[in-house]
Amino acid sequence: MGKADLHTHTNASDGDLSPEELLRKAQSKKLKVLAITDHDTIRGYLQAKELAPEYGIELISGAEITGIWGSREIHLLAYNFCDDDAPFREMLLNQRKARKLRMQAIVEVLNNQGLEIEYDEILAEANMGNVGRPHAAAILIKKGYVSGVAEAFIRYLSSEKIKGVQTEYASIQEVIRITKEAGGVISLAHPGRMYSEKEVTTLTGFGLDGLECIHPSHTYSMQRKFTALAKSGNLLITGGSDYHGTGKSEYDPYFGVVTIGDQYIESIKRTSENRKRIVNV
């Protein structure tokens, strides 16, 4: 089967490339399996679905879904779900609405700090798709308020800076349940960046299927630690480059480099197919 990248983004969320451009780039990197995991949408995946065979790539359905755990936002990677499952699509529609309301609140926070920025500008930056903080960062850069994405997040858009903004994303329990009922499997995204080992254990206790052990933000020791944790808990091992595009992320050089192998892909697919037989999707 060859190399696989299960964490990529297109311009359907906060990536630079169109779905077809991403497929072309994946082909150039000799990837054989790809998951497009745009934030809270499968629009990019659906656009790429019919094109993938032309590029010799097996495309696995994917999405990076924002869930709420207490007062914290967490990112969950869903894979191999039935993309026409009605409750799953309804959840993504609600997530889109939640993103819109959240960004409007963030704009208000920025306006109160004297920054002249409008929600419609951010929506246009997102190609009228799902809005996120990287789109707000892009507008701040264009207007000269900051010099780059890192500065935008440090000064204005970090979780700490916008901690008062309320969100209406689905709970972690709801995301896990709906994804599983759609026949999918679900993994915790980039745990090394976000959580202590104790928190990871708590989160997997909600019924997660896997951990994203392989990610550009993970050191070699982190990768080993999370791989051992996954194996000890009979969890799936997932991974990928978290590719967004030039200038959008420091992870871009890792596209085609940070990958996972056949055995992990087969485990994901096997778990998903067994689930689909049980839930009859």
C-alpha atoms as a PDB file:
ATOM      1  CA  MET A   1       0.000   0.000   0.000  1.00  0.00           C
ATOM      2  CA  GLY A   2       2.782   2.457   0.827  1.00  0.00           C
ATOM      3  CA  LYS A   3       2.969   5.703   2.742  1.00  0.00           C
ATOM      4  CA  ALA A   4      -0.154   7.287   4.257  1.00  0.00           C
ATOM      5  CA  ASP A   5      -0.911  10.741   5.637  1.00  0.00           C
ATOM      6  CA  LEU A   6      -4.058  10.894   7.749  1.00  0.00           C
ATOM      7  CA  HIS A   7      -3.958  14.565   8.740  1.00  0.00           C
ATOM      8  CA  THR A   8      -4.224  17.166   5.956  1.00  0.00           C
ATOM      9  CA  HIS A   9      -6.242  20.292   5.262  1.00  0.00           C
ATOM     10  CA  THR A  10      -7.583  22.003   2.132  1.00  0.00           C
ATOM     11  CA  ASN A  11      -9.112  25.398   1.445  1.00  0.00           C
ATOM     12  CA  ALA A  12     -12.454  23.945   2.510  1.00  0.00           C
ATOM     13  CA  SER A  13     -11.241  24.858   6.000  1.00  0.00           C
ATOM     14  CA  ASP A  14      -7.923  26.538   6.756  1.00  0.00           C
ATOM     15  CA  GLY A  15      -5.563  25.065   4.164  1.00  0.00           C
ATOM     16  CA  ASP A  16      -4.077  26.767   1.112  1.00  0.00           C
ATOM     17  CA  LEU A  17      -4.647  24.139  -1.562  1.00  0.00           C
ATOM     18  CA  SER A  18      -7.817  23.026  -3.283  1.00  0.00           C
ATOM     19  CA  PRO A  19      -8.677  19.335  -2.865  1.00  0.00           C
ATOM     20  CA  GLU A  20      -7.351  18.523  -6.342  1.00  0.00           C
ATOM     21  CA  GLU A  21      -4.145  20.482  -5.747  1.00  0.00           C
ATOM     22  CA  LEU A  22      -3.623  18.505  -2.540  1.00  0.00           C
ATOM     23  CA  LEU A  23      -4.119  15.229  -4.421  1.00  0.00           C
ATOM     24  CA  ARG A  24      -1.575  16.339  -7.003  1.00  0.00           C
ATOM     25  CA  LYS A  25       0.917  17.240  -4.283  1.00  0.00           C
ATOM     26  CA  ALA A  26       0.288  13.914  -2.527  1.00  0.00           C
ATOM     27  CA  GLN A  27       0.998  12.093  -5.782  1.00  0.00           C
ATOM     28  CA  SER A  28       4.268  14.002  -6.169  1.00  0.00           C
ATOM     29  CA  LYS A  29       5.254  12.872  -2.655  1.00  0.00           C
ATOM     30  CA  LYS A  30       4.418   9.265  -3.567  1.00  0.00           C
ATOM     31  CA  LEU A  31       1.699   8.972  -0.951  1.00  0.00           C
ATOM     32  CA  LYS A  32      -0.671   6.075  -1.503  1.00  0.00           C
ATOM     33  CA  VAL A  33      -3.297   6.752   1.174  1.00  0.00           C
ATOM     34  CA  LEU A  34      -4.633  10.151   2.192  1.00  0.00           C
ATOM     35  CA  ALA A  35      -7.247  11.499   4.570  1.00  0.00           C
ATOM     36  CA  ILE A  36      -8.450  15.067   4.136  1.00  0.00           C
ATOM     37  CA  THR A  37      -9.285  16.167   7.663  1.00  0.00           C
ATOM     38  CA  ASP A  38     -10.672  19.655   7.283  1.00  0.00           C
ATOM     39  CA  HIS A  39     -12.054  21.300  10.391  1.00  0.00           C
ATOM     40  CA  ASP A  40     -15.705  20.399  10.979  1.00  0.00           C
ATOM     41  CA  THR A  41     -16.452  19.814   7.294  1.00  0.00           C
ATOM     42  CA  ILE A  42     -16.191  17.101   4.644  1.00  0.00           C
ATOM     43  CA  ARG A  43     -16.663  19.472   1.716  1.00  0.00           C
ATOM     44  CA  GLY A  44     -13.031  19.126   0.633  1.00  0.00           C
ATOM     45  CA  TYR A  45     -13.108  15.356   1.004  1.00  0.00           C
ATOM     46  CA  LEU A  46     -16.260  15.091  -1.122  1.00  0.00           C
ATOM     47  CA  GLN A  47     -14.676  17.198  -3.859  1.00  0.00           C
ATOM     48  CA  ALA A  48     -11.596  14.982  -3.869  1.00  0.00           C
ATOM     49  CA  LYS A  49     -13.456  11.664  -3.608  1.00  0.00           C
ATOM     50  CA  GLU A  50     -14.085  11.157  -7.325  1.00  0.00           C
ATOM     51  CA  LEU A  51     -10.703  12.546  -8.365  1.00  0.00           C
ATOM     52  CA  ALA A  52      -8.467  10.463  -6.098  1.00  0.00           C
ATOM     53  CA  PRO A  53      -8.272   7.355  -8.341  1.00  0.00           C
ATOM     54  CA  GLU A  54      -6.892   9.497 -11.173  1.00  0.00           C
ATOM     55  CA  TYR A  55      -3.912  10.270  -8.946  1.00  0.00           C
ATOM     56  CA  GLY A  56      -3.435   6.702  -7.759  1.00  0.00           C
ATOM     57  CA  ILE A  57      -4.420   7.609  -4.212  1.00  0.00           C
ATOM     58  CA  GLU A  58      -6.760   5.795  -1.843  1.00  0.00           C
ATOM     59  CA  LEU A  59      -8.787   8.476  -0.106  1.00  0.00           C
ATOM     60  CA  ILE A  60     -10.187   7.701   3.345  1.00  0.00           C
ATOM     61  CA  SER A  61     -13.074   9.800   4.615  1.00  0.00           C
ATOM     62  CA  GLY A  62     -11.879  12.150   7.319  1.00  0.00           C
ATOM     63  CA  ALA A  63     -12.610  15.242   9.380  1.00  0.00           C
ATOM     64  CA  GLU A  64     -11.013  17.051  12.296  1.00  0.00           C
ATOM     65  CA  ILE A  65     -13.926  17.735  14.612  1.00  0.00           C
ATOM     66  CA  THR A  66     -13.921  20.241  17.443  1.00  0.00           C
ATOM     67  CA  GLY A  67     -15.431  18.939  20.662  1.00  0.00           C
ATOM     68  CA  ILE A  68     -15.969  20.416  24.089  1.00  0.00           C
ATOM     69  CA  TRP A  69     -14.483  18.817  27.194  1.00  0.00           C
ATOM     70  CA  GLY A  70     -15.471  20.851  30.227  1.00  0.00           C
ATOM     71  CA  SER A  71     -14.439  24.370  29.284  1.00  0.00           C
ATOM     72  CA  ARG A  72     -11.805  23.255  26.762  1.00  0.00           C
ATOM     73  CA  GLU A  73     -11.924  22.756  23.023  1.00  0.00           C
ATOM     74  CA  ILE A  74     -10.352  19.532  21.811  1.00  0.00           C
ATOM     75  CA  HIS A  75      -9.696  18.232  18.311  1.00  0.00           C
ATOM     76  CA  LEU A  76     -10.801  14.752  17.304  1.00  0.00           C
ATOM     77  CA  LEU A  77      -9.892  13.013  14.052  1.00  0.00           C
ATOM     78  CA  ALA A  78     -12.715  10.961  12.508  1.00  0.00           C
ATOM     79  CA  TYR A  79     -11.956   8.368   9.833  1.00  0.00           C
ATOM     80  CA  ASN A  80     -13.656   5.958   7.458  1.00  0.00           C
ATOM     81  CA  PHE A  81     -17.190   6.993   8.400  1.00  0.00           C
ATOM     82  CA  CYS A  82     -20.091   6.750   5.968  1.00  0.00           C
ATOM     83  CA  ASP A  83     -20.063  10.180   4.377  1.00  0.00           C
ATOM     84  CA  ASP A  84     -23.806  10.134   3.686  1.00  0.00           C
ATOM     85  CA  ASP A  85     -24.811   9.367   7.281  1.00  0.00           C
ATOM     86  CA  ALA A  86     -27.552  11.872   8.155  1.00  0.00           C
ATOM     87  CA  PRO A  87     -26.784  12.387  11.882  1.00  0.00           C
ATOM     88  CA  PHE A  88     -23.081  12.816  11.101  1.00  0.00           C
ATOM     89  CA  ARG A  89     -23.834  15.451   8.471  1.00  0.00           C
ATOM     90  CA  GLU A  90     -26.245  17.166  10.855  1.00  0.00           C
ATOM     91  CA  MET A  91     -23.500  17.351  13.470  1.00  0.00           C
ATOM     92  CA  LEU A  92     -21.150  18.989  10.957  1.00  0.00           C
ATOM     93  CA  LEU A  93     -23.867  21.486  10.005  1.00  0.00           C
ATOM     94  CA  ASN A  94     -24.272  22.409  13.670  1.00  0.00           C
ATOM     95  CA  GLN A  95     -20.492  22.704  13.987  1.00  0.00           C
ATOM     96  CA  ARG A  96     -20.469  25.130  11.061  1.00  0.00           C
ATOM     97  CA  LYS A  97     -23.072  27.275  12.844  1.00  0.00           C
ATOM     98  CA  ALA A  98     -21.051  27.114  16.055  1.00  0.00           C
ATOM     99  CA  ARG A  99     -17.922  28.233  14.188  1.00  0.00           C
ATOM    100  CA  LYS A 100     -19.804  31.206  12.749  1.00  0.00           C
ATOM    101  CA  LEU A 101     -21.090  32.327  16.154  1.00  0.00           C
ATOM    102  CA  ARG A 102     -17.674  31.822  17.744  1.00  0.00           C
ATOM    103  CA  MET A 103     -15.912  33.887  15.091  1.00  0.00           C
ATOM    104  CA  GLN A 104     -18.448  36.680  15.385  1.00  0.00           C
ATOM    105  CA  ALA A 105     -17.714  36.767  19.115  1.00  0.00           C
ATOM    106  CA  ILE A 106     -13.950  36.795  18.439  1.00  0.00           C
ATOM    107  CA  VAL A 107     -14.423  39.739  16.053  1.00  0.00           C
ATOM    108  CA  GLU A 108     -16.221  41.606  18.823  1.00  0.00           C
ATOM    109  CA  VAL A 109     -13.303  40.941  21.182  1.00  0.00           C
ATOM    110  CA  LEU A 110     -10.852  42.244  18.569  1.00  0.00           C
ATOM    111  CA  ASN A 111     -12.995  45.313  17.876  1.00  0.00           C
ATOM    112  CA  ASN A 112     -13.041  46.103  21.599  1.00  0.00           C
ATOM    113  CA  GLN A 113      -9.238  46.170  21.445  1.00  0.00           C
ATOM    114  CA  GLY A 114      -9.360  48.815  18.729  1.00  0.00           C
ATOM    115  CA  LEU A 115      -8.774  46.529  15.745  1.00  0.00           C
ATOM    116  CA  GLU A 116     -10.870  47.342  12.688  1.00  0.00           C
ATOM    117  CA  ILE A 117     -11.838  43.918  11.428  1.00  0.00           C
ATOM    118  CA  GLU A 118     -15.177  42.573  10.188  1.00  0.00           C
ATOM    119  CA  TYR A 119     -16.653  39.094  10.182  1.00  0.00           C
ATOM    120  CA  ASP A 120     -17.398  39.281   6.440  1.00  0.00           C
ATOM    121  CA  GLU A 121     -13.693  39.834   5.737  1.00  0.00           C
ATOM    122  CA  ILE A 122     -12.852  36.648   7.609  1.00  0.00           C
ATOM    123  CA  LEU A 123     -15.634  34.737   5.842  1.00  0.00           C
ATOM    124  CA  ALA A 124     -14.257  35.851   2.472  1.00  0.00           C
ATOM    125  CA  GLU A 125     -10.770  34.748   3.533  1.00  0.00           C
ATOM    126  CA  ALA A 126     -12.290  31.324   4.269  1.00  0.00           C
ATOM    127  CA  ASN A 127     -13.755  31.129   0.749  1.00  0.00           C
ATOM    128  CA  MET A 128     -17.223  31.309   2.331  1.00  0.00           C
ATOM    129  CA  GLY A 129     -16.490  28.007   4.074  1.00  0.00           C
ATOM    130  CA  ASN A 130     -15.845  27.060   7.681  1.00  0.00           C
ATOM    131  CA  VAL A 131     -14.174  29.957   9.451  1.00  0.00           C
ATOM    132  CA  GLY A 132     -11.370  29.551  11.960  1.00  0.00           C
ATOM    133  CA  ARG A 133      -8.739  31.562  13.773  1.00  0.00           C
ATOM    134  CA  PRO A 134      -6.151  31.161  10.961  1.00  0.00           C
ATOM    135  CA  HIS A 135      -8.520  33.125   8.712  1.00  0.00           C
ATOM    136  CA  ALA A 136      -8.740  35.890  11.318  1.00  0.00           C
ATOM    137  CA  ALA A 137      -4.949  35.832  11.563  1.00  0.00           C
ATOM    138  CA  ALA A 138      -4.689  36.305   7.802  1.00  0.00           C
ATOM    139  CA  ILE A 139      -6.847  39.428   7.976  1.00  0.00           C
ATOM    140  CA  LEU A 140      -4.813  40.823  10.865  1.00  0.00           C
ATOM    141  CA  ILE A 141      -1.675  40.338   8.757  1.00  0.00           C
ATOM    142  CA  LYS A 142      -3.228  41.966   5.684  1.00  0.00           C
ATOM    143  CA  LYS A 143      -4.245  44.998   7.747  1.00  0.00           C
ATOM    144  CA  GLY A 144      -0.777  45.341   9.239  1.00  0.00           C
ATOM    145  CA  TYR A 145      -1.739  44.670  12.842  1.00  0.00           C
ATOM    146  CA  VAL A 146       0.734  41.776  13.054  1.00  0.00           C
ATOM    147  CA  SER A 147       3.634  40.545  10.971  1.00  0.00           C
ATOM    148  CA  GLY A 148       2.768  36.855  10.903  1.00  0.00           C
ATOM    149  CA  VAL A 149       0.505  34.045  12.053  1.00  0.00           C
ATOM    150  CA  ALA A 150       2.525  33.331  15.184  1.00  0.00           C
ATOM    151  CA  GLU A 151       2.297  36.957  16.317  1.00  0.00           C
ATOM    152  CA  ALA A 152      -1.449  37.026  15.589  1.00  0.00           C
ATOM    153  CA  PHE A 153      -2.026  34.078  17.885  1.00  0.00           C
ATOM    154  CA  ILE A 154       0.312  35.288  20.613  1.00  0.00           C
ATOM    155  CA  ARG A 155      -1.154  38.798  20.764  1.00  0.00           C
ATOM    156  CA  TYR A 156      -4.804  38.243  19.905  1.00  0.00           C
ATOM    157  CA  LEU A 157      -6.033  34.752  19.049  1.00  0.00           C
ATOM    158  CA  SER A 158      -4.609  32.247  21.523  1.00  0.00           C
ATOM    159  CA  SER A 159      -7.006  30.252  23.674  1.00  0.00           C
ATOM    160  CA  GLU A 160      -5.902  32.390  26.605  1.00  0.00           C
ATOM    161  CA  LYS A 161      -6.664  35.634  24.759  1.00  0.00           C
ATOM    162  CA  ILE A 162     -10.186  34.539  23.774  1.00  0.00           C
ATOM    163  CA  LYS A 163     -10.997  32.405  26.815  1.00  0.00           C
ATOM    164  CA  GLY A 164     -14.145  34.419  27.499  1.00  0.00           C
ATOM    165  CA  VAL A 165     -15.674  33.493  24.133  1.00  0.00           C
ATOM    166  CA  GLN A 166     -18.409  30.896  24.528  1.00  0.00           C
ATOM    167  CA  THR A 167     -18.711  28.060  22.018  1.00  0.00           C
ATOM    168  CA  GLU A 168     -21.540  25.772  21.008  1.00  0.00           C
ATOM    169  CA  TYR A 169     -19.553  22.871  19.638  1.00  0.00           C
ATOM    170  CA  ALA A 170     -20.692  19.324  20.326  1.00  0.00           C
ATOM    171  CA  SER A 171     -19.409  17.618  23.467  1.00  0.00           C
ATOM    172  CA  ILE A 172     -16.645  15.049  23.168  1.00  0.00           C
ATOM    173  CA  GLN A 173     -19.175  12.358  24.069  1.00  0.00           C
ATOM    174  CA  GLU A 174     -21.522  13.448  21.284  1.00  0.00           C
ATOM    175  CA  VAL A 175     -18.755  13.596  18.664  1.00  0.00           C
ATOM    176  CA  ILE A 176     -17.570  10.098  19.582  1.00  0.00           C
ATOM    177  CA  ARG A 177     -21.060   8.621  19.612  1.00  0.00           C
ATOM    178  CA  ILE A 178     -22.184  10.092  16.296  1.00  0.00           C
ATOM    179  CA  THR A 179     -18.922   9.194  14.542  1.00  0.00           C
ATOM    180  CA  LYS A 180     -19.121   5.600  15.732  1.00  0.00           C
ATOM    181  CA  GLU A 181     -22.770   5.328  14.723  1.00  0.00           C
ATOM    182  CA  ALA A 182     -21.675   6.444  11.240  1.00  0.00           C
ATOM    183  CA  GLY A 183     -19.278   3.500  11.189  1.00  0.00           C
ATOM    184  CA  GLY A 184     -16.216   5.648  11.730  1.00  0.00           C
ATOM    185  CA  VAL A 185     -13.297   5.500  14.104  1.00  0.00           C
ATOM    186  CA  ILE A 186     -12.080   8.438  16.126  1.00  0.00           C
ATOM    187  CA  SER A 187      -8.639   9.462  17.349  1.00  0.00           C
ATOM    188  CA  LEU A 188      -7.312  12.213  19.607  1.00  0.00           C
ATOM    189  CA  ALA A 189      -5.401  14.777  17.536  1.00  0.00           C
ATOM    190  CA  HIS A 190      -1.827  15.859  18.405  1.00  0.00           C
ATOM    191  CA  PRO A 191      -2.009  14.928  22.108  1.00  0.00           C
ATOM    192  CA  GLY A 192       1.587  15.947  22.779  1.00  0.00           C
ATOM    193  CA  ARG A 193       0.773  19.593  22.049  1.00  0.00           C
ATOM    194  CA  MET A 194      -2.307  19.798  24.196  1.00  0.00           C
ATOM    195  CA  TYR A 195      -2.521  17.427  27.127  1.00  0.00           C
ATOM    196  CA  SER A 196      -0.713  15.775  29.987  1.00  0.00           C
ATOM    197  CA  GLU A 197      -0.487  11.994  30.018  1.00  0.00           C
ATOM    198  CA  LYS A 198      -3.148  11.907  32.740  1.00  0.00           C
ATOM    199  CA  GLU A 199      -5.481  14.011  30.584  1.00  0.00           C
ATOM    200  CA  VAL A 200      -4.890  11.722  27.602  1.00  0.00           C
ATOM    201  CA  THR A 201      -5.886   8.730  29.734  1.00  0.00           C
ATOM    202  CA  THR A 202      -9.042  10.554  30.842  1.00  0.00           C
ATOM    203  CA  LEU A 203      -9.950  11.465  27.266  1.00  0.00           C
ATOM    204  CA  THR A 204      -9.445   7.968  25.894  1.00  0.00           C
ATOM    205  CA  GLY A 205     -11.781   6.795  28.651  1.00  0.00           C
ATOM    206  CA  PHE A 206     -14.648   8.499  26.842  1.00  0.00           C
ATOM    207  CA  GLY A 207     -14.422   5.807  24.163  1.00  0.00           C
ATOM    208  CA  LEU A 208     -11.835   7.074  21.707  1.00  0.00           C
ATOM    209  CA  ASP A 209     -10.527   4.446  19.300  1.00  0.00           C
ATOM    210  CA  GLY A 210      -7.040   5.825  18.840  1.00  0.00           C
ATOM    211  CA  LEU A 211      -4.271   8.342  19.432  1.00  0.00           C
ATOM    212  CA  GLU A 212      -2.453  10.452  16.884  1.00  0.00           C
ATOM    213  CA  CYS A 213       0.967   9.196  17.944  1.00  0.00           C
ATOM    214  CA  ILE A 214       2.813  10.446  14.870  1.00  0.00           C
ATOM    215  CA  HIS A 215       2.676  14.214  14.358  1.00  0.00           C
ATOM    216  CA  PRO A 216       5.280  16.886  13.505  1.00  0.00           C
ATOM    217  CA  SER A 217       4.880  18.491  16.937  1.00  0.00           C
ATOM    218  CA  HIS A 218       5.854  15.261  18.692  1.00  0.00           C
ATOM    219  CA  THR A 219       9.448  14.640  19.589  1.00  0.00           C
ATOM    220  CA  TYR A 220      10.795  11.134  19.150  1.00  0.00           C
ATOM    221  CA  SER A 221      10.307  10.468  22.859  1.00  0.00           C
ATOM    222  CA  MET A 222       6.710  11.712  22.683  1.00  0.00           C
ATOM    223  CA  GLN A 223       6.041   9.476  19.698  1.00  0.00           C
ATOM    224  CA  ARG A 224       7.405   6.481  21.590  1.00  0.00           C
ATOM    225  CA  LYS A 225       5.412   7.383  24.711  1.00  0.00           C
ATOM    226  CA  PHE A 226       2.092   7.725  22.902  1.00  0.00           C
ATOM    227  CA  THR A 227       2.701   4.636  20.783  1.00  0.00           C
ATOM    228  CA  ALA A 228       3.332   2.611  23.944  1.00  0.00           C
ATOM    229  CA  LEU A 229       0.242   4.136  25.556  1.00  0.00           C
ATOM    230  CA  ALA A 230      -1.872   3.255  22.520  1.00  0.00           C
ATOM    231  CA  LYS A 231      -0.611  -0.304  22.413  1.00  0.00           C
ATOM    232  CA  SER A 232      -1.158  -0.826  26.139  1.00  0.00           C
ATOM    233  CA  GLY A 233      -4.739   0.418  25.808  1.00  0.00           C
ATOM    234  CA  ASN A 234      -5.503  -1.487  22.588  1.00  0.00           C
ATOM    235  CA  LEU A 235      -5.926   1.825  20.788  1.00  0.00           C
ATOM    236  CA  LEU A 236      -5.397   2.534  17.108  1.00  0.00           C
ATOM    237  CA  ILE A 237      -2.272   4.425  16.086  1.00  0.00           C
ATOM    238  CA  THR A 238      -2.882   7.303  13.691  1.00  0.00           C
ATOM    239  CA  GLY A 239      -0.631   9.993  12.303  1.00  0.00           C
ATOM    240  CA  GLY A 240       0.089  12.541   9.636  1.00  0.00           C
ATOM    241  CA  SER A 241       1.737  15.809   8.704  1.00  0.00           C
ATOM    242  CA  ASP A 242      -1.085  18.235   9.639  1.00  0.00           C
ATOM    243  CA  TYR A 243      -0.395  19.881   6.272  1.00  0.00           C
ATOM    244  CA  HIS A 244      -2.052  23.249   5.663  1.00  0.00           C
ATOM    245  CA  GLY A 245       0.029  24.910   2.970  1.00  0.00           C
ATOM    246  CA  THR A 246       2.827  27.394   2.565  1.00  0.00           C
ATOM    247  CA  GLY A 247       2.811  30.044   5.254  1.00  0.00           C
ATOM    248  CA  LYS A 248      -0.124  28.524   7.127  1.00  0.00           C
ATOM    249  CA  SER A 249       1.791  26.144   9.374  1.00  0.00           C
ATOM    250  CA  GLU A 250       5.320  25.257  10.417  1.00  0.00           C
ATOM    251  CA  TYR A 251       4.469  21.632   9.615  1.00  0.00           C
ATOM    252  CA  ASP A 252       4.419  22.046   5.842  1.00  0.00           C
ATOM    253  CA  PRO A 253       7.904  20.568   5.199  1.00  0.00           C
ATOM    254  CA  TYR A 254       6.723  17.330   6.785  1.00  0.00           C
ATOM    255  CA  PHE A 255       4.162  16.538   4.081  1.00  0.00           C
ATOM    256  CA  GLY A 256       5.254  13.264   2.540  1.00  0.00           C
ATOM    257  CA  VAL A 257       7.740  12.760   5.380  1.00  0.00           C
ATOM    258  CA  VAL A 258       5.607  12.311   8.508  1.00  0.00           C
ATOM    259  CA  THR A 259       3.565   9.306   7.467  1.00  0.00           C
ATOM    260  CA  ILE A 260       2.287   5.993   8.803  1.00  0.00           C
ATOM    261  CA  GLY A 261       2.480   2.499   7.376  1.00  0.00           C
ATOM    262  CA  ASP A 262       0.174  -0.151   6.009  1.00  0.00           C
ATOM    263  CA  GLN A 263      -0.419  -1.991   9.259  1.00  0.00           C
ATOM    264  CA  TYR A 264      -1.982   1.058  10.901  1.00  0.00           C
ATOM    265  CA  ILE A 265      -4.237   1.774   7.938  1.00  0.00           C
ATOM    266  CA  GLU A 266      -5.458  -1.822   7.889  1.00  0.00           C
ATOM    267  CA  SER A 267      -6.248  -1.683  11.617  1.00  0.00           C
ATOM    268  CA  ILE A 268      -8.286   1.489  11.135  1.00  0.00           C
ATOM    269  CA  LYS A 269     -10.218   0.030   8.221  1.00  0.00           C
ATOM    270  CA  ARG A 270     -10.803  -3.284   9.980  1.00  0.00           C
ATOM    271  CA  THR A 271     -12.160  -1.559  13.106  1.00  0.00           C
ATOM    272  CA  SER A 272     -14.413   0.622  10.982  1.00  0.00           C
ATOM    273  CA  GLU A 273     -15.775  -2.221   8.854  1.00  0.00           C
ATOM    274  CA  ASN A 274     -16.523  -4.313  11.940  1.00  0.00           C
ATOM    275  CA  ARG A 275     -18.385  -1.338  13.419  1.00  0.00           C
ATOM    276  CA  LYS A 276     -20.375  -0.809  10.232  1.00  0.00           C
ATOM    277  CA  ARG A 277     -21.574  -4.389  10.339  1.00  0.00           C
ATOM    278  CA  ILE A 278     -22.735  -3.922  13.921  1.00  0.00           C
ATOM    279  CA  VAL A 279     -24.527  -0.593  13.411  1.00  0.00           C
ATOM    280  CA  ASN A 280     -25.755  -1.495   9.903  1.00  0.00           C
ATOM    281  CA  VAL A 281     -24.553   1.608   8.105  1.00  0.00           C
END
